[in-house]
Amino acid sequence: MGETVMNHRQPGNGIQQQAACGADGDAGHLDPLLQKPANSFNGDIHVHSAFLVDAHDSAHFTVSNREHGRQYRVKRAASCLLMPEPGDKVLVSGDAAGGLYIIAVLEQGASGRTHLRVDGELAVSADRLSLTAHDRLAMAADAFSLEAGSGAVDAADWTIKSHRYTLTSVELDVAAMTARYTGDQRESYYGSVTETTGRSARYVTGTDTVKAVNLDYAADFIARLSGNTTFINGEALVKADGKQILVG
C-alpha cells in the first residue's frame, strides 16, 4: 500500500538545503525527522494515499496505513456517495489546514452489500430512469408520494396492506376472472346502480331487508315467493290478477 506525501517548500530555499546536507551533516538534519511522530503533519504537507478504515461514528472515520504507521481521523467527502465501512480500502486526500477527506472507496472489505449515503436531500433527474433488482426491491419511508401522467404495474402477485385505504377516481374500471370481497361490514352509496349477470345467488343467514319508495319485480316465466309463514299486506289495496287464480 503506497503513500504519497508532498511537502510544499518556499522558493529559494532549495540551494540552502542542498548546501546544508553535506556528508557530515546528514545525520544531524535527519534526526528531527526520525524523531517526529509518524502520524503528525503540518498544514504544508498534502496527503493523497490509500488507507484502511478502522472504525467510524456519525461524522468521522478512523483510517490507518499500517505500512507507514499512520492513523488519521477524517471525514467523508460530499462527492463520496458510497458509505465506507470498517475494512474498506479508501483514498484519503487533503491537509491539516483544509482537513482530510475520504474521496473514494477503492476496495470493499465485505462484499455483498453497498450502502450509498447522502446527508440532507437528494434529487435524481434524468430523461429516463430505470431501477432493476434481480431478487428484491424494497423502499421504506415515513411518507411516500408518487406523481405521474400515467402509470402501469405488471406483477404476477400484488398485495397491498394498509390500516386505511382511500381510492379516488373520476372513472374506475375493474376486470377480474374471479373477484372476492371479504369484510365485517360494507357500505355503498351510489346515485344509480345497474347490474347485469347471467346467474345470481345470494344467501343471507339473518334478515334481508329492502326498503324502497316503489318495488317492482318482474319474471318472464316463473316468480315464486315461499316461506313457512308468508304475509302479504296492502294498506289500501291488495290485488291479484290472472287467467287462473288458485288458492289452497
Protein backbone atom coordinates (compact mmCIF):
# COMPACT_ATOMS: atom_id res chain seq x y z
CA MET A 1 0.00 0.00 0.00
CA GLY A 2 1.80 3.11 -1.20
CA GLU A 3 1.51 6.61 0.22
CA THR A 4 2.20 9.93 -1.43
CA VAL A 5 3.16 12.86 0.80
CA MET A 6 4.11 16.09 -0.93
CA ASN A 7 5.94 18.81 1.02
CA HIS A 8 5.45 22.27 -0.46
CA ARG A 9 8.64 24.30 0.12
CA GLN A 10 9.11 28.03 -0.31
CA PRO A 11 11.02 29.13 -3.46
CA GLY A 12 14.71 29.96 -2.94
CA ASN A 13 15.30 27.51 -0.09
CA GLY A 14 16.42 24.60 -2.27
CA ILE A 15 20.08 25.77 -2.69
CA GLN A 16 20.48 26.42 1.04
CA GLN A 17 19.05 22.99 1.92
CA GLN A 18 21.35 21.23 -0.55
CA ALA A 19 24.38 23.08 0.81
CA ALA A 20 23.44 22.19 4.37
CA CYS A 21 23.05 18.49 3.58
CA GLY A 22 26.73 17.56 3.48
CA ALA A 23 28.13 14.17 4.17
CA ASP A 24 28.89 15.07 7.79
CA GLY A 25 25.60 16.91 8.42
CA ASP A 26 23.09 14.34 7.11
CA ALA A 27 22.59 12.67 10.46
CA GLY A 28 22.06 15.97 12.24
CA HIS A 29 19.37 17.11 9.84
CA LEU A 30 17.62 13.71 9.72
CA ASP A 31 17.40 13.25 13.50
CA PRO A 32 14.44 15.66 13.95
CA LEU A 33 12.57 13.95 11.11
CA LEU A 34 13.23 10.48 12.55
CA GLN A 35 12.06 11.57 15.99
CA LYS A 36 8.91 13.20 14.59
CA PRO A 37 5.70 11.18 15.32
CA ALA A 38 4.58 9.13 12.32
CA ASN A 39 1.03 10.46 12.28
CA SER A 40 1.75 14.14 12.82
CA PHE A 41 1.88 16.66 9.99
CA ASN A 42 1.54 20.37 9.49
CA GLY A 43 -0.51 22.42 7.10
CA ASP A 44 2.20 22.36 4.41
CA ILE A 45 2.03 18.56 3.94
CA HIS A 46 -0.55 17.26 1.49
CA VAL A 47 -1.76 13.67 1.93
CA HIS A 48 -3.08 11.69 -1.02
CA SER A 49 -2.86 7.99 -0.27
CA ALA A 50 -4.76 4.77 0.35
CA PHE A 51 -5.82 3.85 3.88
CA LEU A 52 -7.87 1.18 5.61
CA VAL A 53 -10.99 2.16 7.55
CA ASP A 54 -10.72 1.03 11.17
CA ALA A 55 -13.94 2.48 12.61
CA HIS A 56 -16.39 5.33 12.18
CA ASP A 57 -19.08 7.24 14.01
CA SER A 58 -21.81 9.53 12.77
CA ALA A 59 -19.39 12.19 11.46
CA HIS A 60 -15.78 10.93 11.39
CA PHE A 61 -13.79 7.92 10.22
CA THR A 62 -10.60 6.48 11.67
CA VAL A 63 -8.24 5.35 8.90
CA SER A 64 -4.76 3.86 9.14
CA ASN A 65 -1.78 2.99 6.96
CA ARG A 66 -0.03 0.18 8.78
CA GLU A 67 2.89 0.12 6.37
CA HIS A 68 3.84 3.69 7.24
CA GLY A 69 2.44 3.64 10.77
CA ARG A 70 -0.05 6.45 10.18
CA GLN A 71 -3.54 6.87 11.59
CA TYR A 72 -5.85 9.82 10.94
CA ARG A 73 -9.35 10.93 11.86
CA VAL A 74 -11.03 12.06 8.65
CA LYS A 75 -14.39 12.99 7.18
CA ARG A 76 -16.24 11.69 4.14
CA ALA A 77 -16.28 14.00 1.13
CA ALA A 78 -19.67 15.06 -0.19
CA SER A 79 -18.80 13.53 -3.57
CA CYS A 80 -18.15 10.11 -1.98
CA LEU A 81 -21.65 8.62 -2.09
CA LEU A 82 -20.53 5.10 -1.19
CA MET A 83 -20.55 4.78 2.61
CA PRO A 84 -17.14 3.48 3.81
CA GLU A 85 -17.28 0.58 6.23
CA PRO A 86 -14.58 -0.89 8.53
CA GLY A 87 -12.17 -2.94 6.46
CA ASP A 88 -12.66 -0.93 3.26
CA LYS A 89 -9.68 0.49 1.38
CA VAL A 90 -10.25 4.20 0.79
CA LEU A 91 -8.44 7.11 -0.83
CA VAL A 92 -7.71 9.96 1.60
CA SER A 93 -6.72 13.41 0.36
CA GLY A 94 -6.18 16.81 1.97
CA ASP A 95 -4.00 18.58 4.51
CA ALA A 96 -4.15 19.77 8.10
CA ALA A 97 -5.26 23.27 7.16
CA GLY A 98 -8.15 22.25 4.90
CA GLY A 99 -8.85 18.87 6.51
CA LEU A 100 -8.51 15.25 5.43
CA TYR A 101 -11.35 13.64 3.49
CA ILE A 102 -12.22 10.24 2.08
CA ILE A 103 -12.78 10.97 -1.60
CA ALA A 104 -13.34 7.42 -2.88
CA VAL A 105 -13.79 3.81 -1.78
CA LEU A 106 -11.19 1.77 -3.66
CA GLU A 107 -12.00 -1.71 -2.37
CA GLN A 108 -14.74 -3.05 -0.11
CA GLY A 109 -13.67 -5.31 2.73
CA ALA A 110 -17.01 -7.13 2.92
CA SER A 111 -18.67 -7.88 -0.41
CA GLY A 112 -22.39 -8.33 -0.91
CA ARG A 113 -23.73 -5.04 0.46
CA THR A 114 -23.20 -1.49 -0.80
CA HIS A 115 -24.52 1.48 1.17
CA LEU A 116 -24.99 4.84 -0.55
CA ARG A 117 -25.29 7.69 1.95
CA VAL A 118 -26.18 11.32 1.27
CA ASP A 119 -26.71 13.89 4.02
CA GLY A 120 -29.73 16.11 3.53
CA GLU A 121 -31.96 15.99 0.46
CA LEU A 122 -31.14 14.03 -2.69
CA ALA A 123 -32.69 14.76 -6.10
CA VAL A 124 -32.10 12.50 -9.10
CA SER A 125 -33.11 13.87 -12.50
CA ALA A 126 -32.97 12.10 -15.86
CA ASP A 127 -34.89 11.83 -19.11
CA ARG A 128 -35.33 8.12 -18.42
CA LEU A 129 -34.57 6.30 -15.16
CA SER A 130 -34.59 2.53 -14.57
CA LEU A 131 -34.22 0.57 -11.33
CA THR A 132 -33.57 -3.15 -11.67
CA ALA A 133 -33.23 -5.72 -8.91
CA HIS A 134 -32.86 -9.41 -9.74
CA ASP A 135 -34.03 -10.57 -6.30
CA ARG A 136 -35.94 -7.87 -4.39
CA LEU A 137 -36.57 -4.12 -4.45
CA ALA A 138 -37.56 -2.58 -1.10
CA MET A 139 -38.43 1.01 -0.21
CA ALA A 140 -39.05 2.34 3.31
CA ALA A 141 -40.10 5.87 4.29
CA ASP A 142 -42.33 7.69 6.78
CA ALA A 143 -44.28 9.17 3.85
CA PHE A 144 -44.44 8.10 0.22
CA SER A 145 -45.68 10.15 -2.75
CA LEU A 146 -45.80 9.23 -6.43
CA GLU A 147 -46.95 11.55 -9.21
CA ALA A 148 -47.12 10.63 -12.89
CA GLY A 149 -49.10 11.43 -16.00
CA SER A 150 -49.78 7.72 -16.49
CA GLY A 151 -48.66 4.56 -14.75
CA ALA A 152 -48.77 0.79 -15.06
CA VAL A 153 -48.00 -2.10 -12.71
CA ASP A 154 -47.44 -5.58 -14.11
CA ALA A 155 -46.93 -8.23 -11.43
CA ALA A 156 -47.73 -11.92 -11.03
CA ASP A 157 -48.84 -11.33 -7.41
CA TRP A 158 -49.73 -7.94 -5.94
CA THR A 159 -50.60 -7.42 -2.26
CA ILE A 160 -51.49 -4.15 -0.53
CA LYS A 161 -51.75 -3.98 3.26
CA SER A 162 -52.95 -0.77 4.86
CA HIS A 163 -54.67 0.39 8.05
CA ARG A 164 -56.73 2.84 5.98
CA TYR A 165 -57.01 2.79 2.19
CA THR A 166 -58.66 5.52 0.11
CA LEU A 167 -59.12 5.33 -3.66
CA THR A 168 -60.45 8.36 -5.54
CA SER A 169 -61.06 8.36 -9.28
CA VAL A 170 -63.31 10.05 -11.83
CA GLU A 171 -63.69 6.72 -13.64
CA LEU A 172 -62.81 3.28 -12.27
CA ASP A 173 -62.69 0.04 -14.26
CA VAL A 174 -62.08 -3.29 -12.51
CA ALA A 175 -61.78 -6.52 -14.52
CA ALA A 176 -61.12 -9.94 -13.00
CA MET A 177 -61.85 -13.58 -13.74
CA THR A 178 -62.73 -14.12 -10.06
CA ALA A 179 -63.45 -11.32 -7.58
CA ARG A 180 -63.87 -11.84 -3.83
CA TYR A 181 -64.78 -9.26 -1.21
CA THR A 182 -64.46 -10.17 2.47
CA GLY A 183 -65.12 -7.95 5.45
CA ASP A 184 -67.15 -7.43 8.61
CA GLN A 185 -69.16 -4.54 7.17
CA ARG A 186 -69.69 -2.99 3.72
CA GLU A 187 -71.46 0.25 2.83
CA SER A 188 -72.13 1.53 -0.68
CA TYR A 189 -73.62 4.86 -1.77
CA TYR A 190 -74.49 5.35 -5.45
CA GLY A 191 -76.74 7.66 -7.43
CA SER A 192 -77.77 4.71 -9.61
CA VAL A 193 -76.78 1.05 -9.85
CA THR A 194 -77.10 -1.19 -12.91
CA GLU A 195 -76.12 -4.85 -12.75
CA THR A 196 -76.24 -7.49 -15.47
CA THR A 197 -75.48 -11.10 -14.55
CA GLY A 198 -76.04 -14.49 -16.13
CA ARG A 199 -76.96 -16.09 -12.79
CA SER A 200 -77.30 -14.58 -9.34
CA ALA A 201 -77.50 -16.35 -5.97
CA ARG A 202 -77.47 -14.78 -2.54
CA TYR A 203 -77.65 -16.43 0.88
CA VAL A 204 -78.41 -14.36 3.98
CA THR A 205 -78.06 -16.01 7.37
CA GLY A 206 -80.03 -13.30 9.15
CA THR A 207 -82.74 -10.93 7.92
CA ASP A 208 -82.75 -9.45 4.43
CA THR A 209 -84.48 -6.06 4.48
CA VAL A 210 -85.32 -4.00 1.40
CA LYS A 211 -86.95 -0.58 1.73
CA ALA A 212 -87.96 1.39 -1.36
CA VAL A 213 -90.47 4.00 -2.48
CA ASN A 214 -91.59 1.65 -5.26
CA LEU A 215 -90.64 -2.01 -5.59
CA ASP A 216 -91.01 -3.75 -8.97
CA TYR A 217 -90.08 -7.40 -9.52
CA ALA A 218 -90.80 -8.99 -12.92
CA ALA A 219 -90.14 -12.51 -14.21
CA ASP A 220 -90.55 -13.71 -17.80
CA PHE A 221 -91.59 -17.22 -16.74
CA ILE A 222 -91.85 -18.07 -13.05
CA ALA A 223 -91.91 -15.85 -9.98
CA ARG A 224 -92.04 -17.67 -6.67
CA LEU A 225 -92.37 -16.38 -3.12
CA SER A 226 -92.45 -19.05 -0.41
CA GLY A 227 -91.98 -19.28 3.31
CA ASN A 228 -93.10 -21.21 6.36
CA THR A 229 -95.27 -18.21 7.19
CA THR A 230 -95.92 -15.66 4.46
CA PHE A 231 -97.58 -12.27 4.87
CA ILE A 232 -98.77 -10.02 2.07
CA ASN A 233 -100.08 -6.74 3.40
CA GLY A 234 -101.63 -3.85 1.48
CA GLU A 235 -102.61 -0.81 3.49
CA ALA A 236 -105.03 0.43 0.83
CA LEU A 237 -105.37 -2.37 -1.73
CA VAL A 238 -104.30 -5.95 -2.42
CA LYS A 239 -104.89 -7.09 -5.99
CA ALA A 240 -104.32 -10.46 -7.63
CA ASP A 241 -104.91 -10.72 -11.36
CA GLY A 242 -104.51 -13.71 -13.65
CA LYS A 243 -106.34 -16.02 -16.04
CA GLN A 244 -106.40 -18.54 -13.26
CA ILE A 245 -106.09 -17.92 -9.55
CA LEU A 246 -105.63 -21.00 -7.38
CA VAL A 247 -105.80 -20.76 -3.61
CA GLY A 248 -105.15 -23.78 -1.43
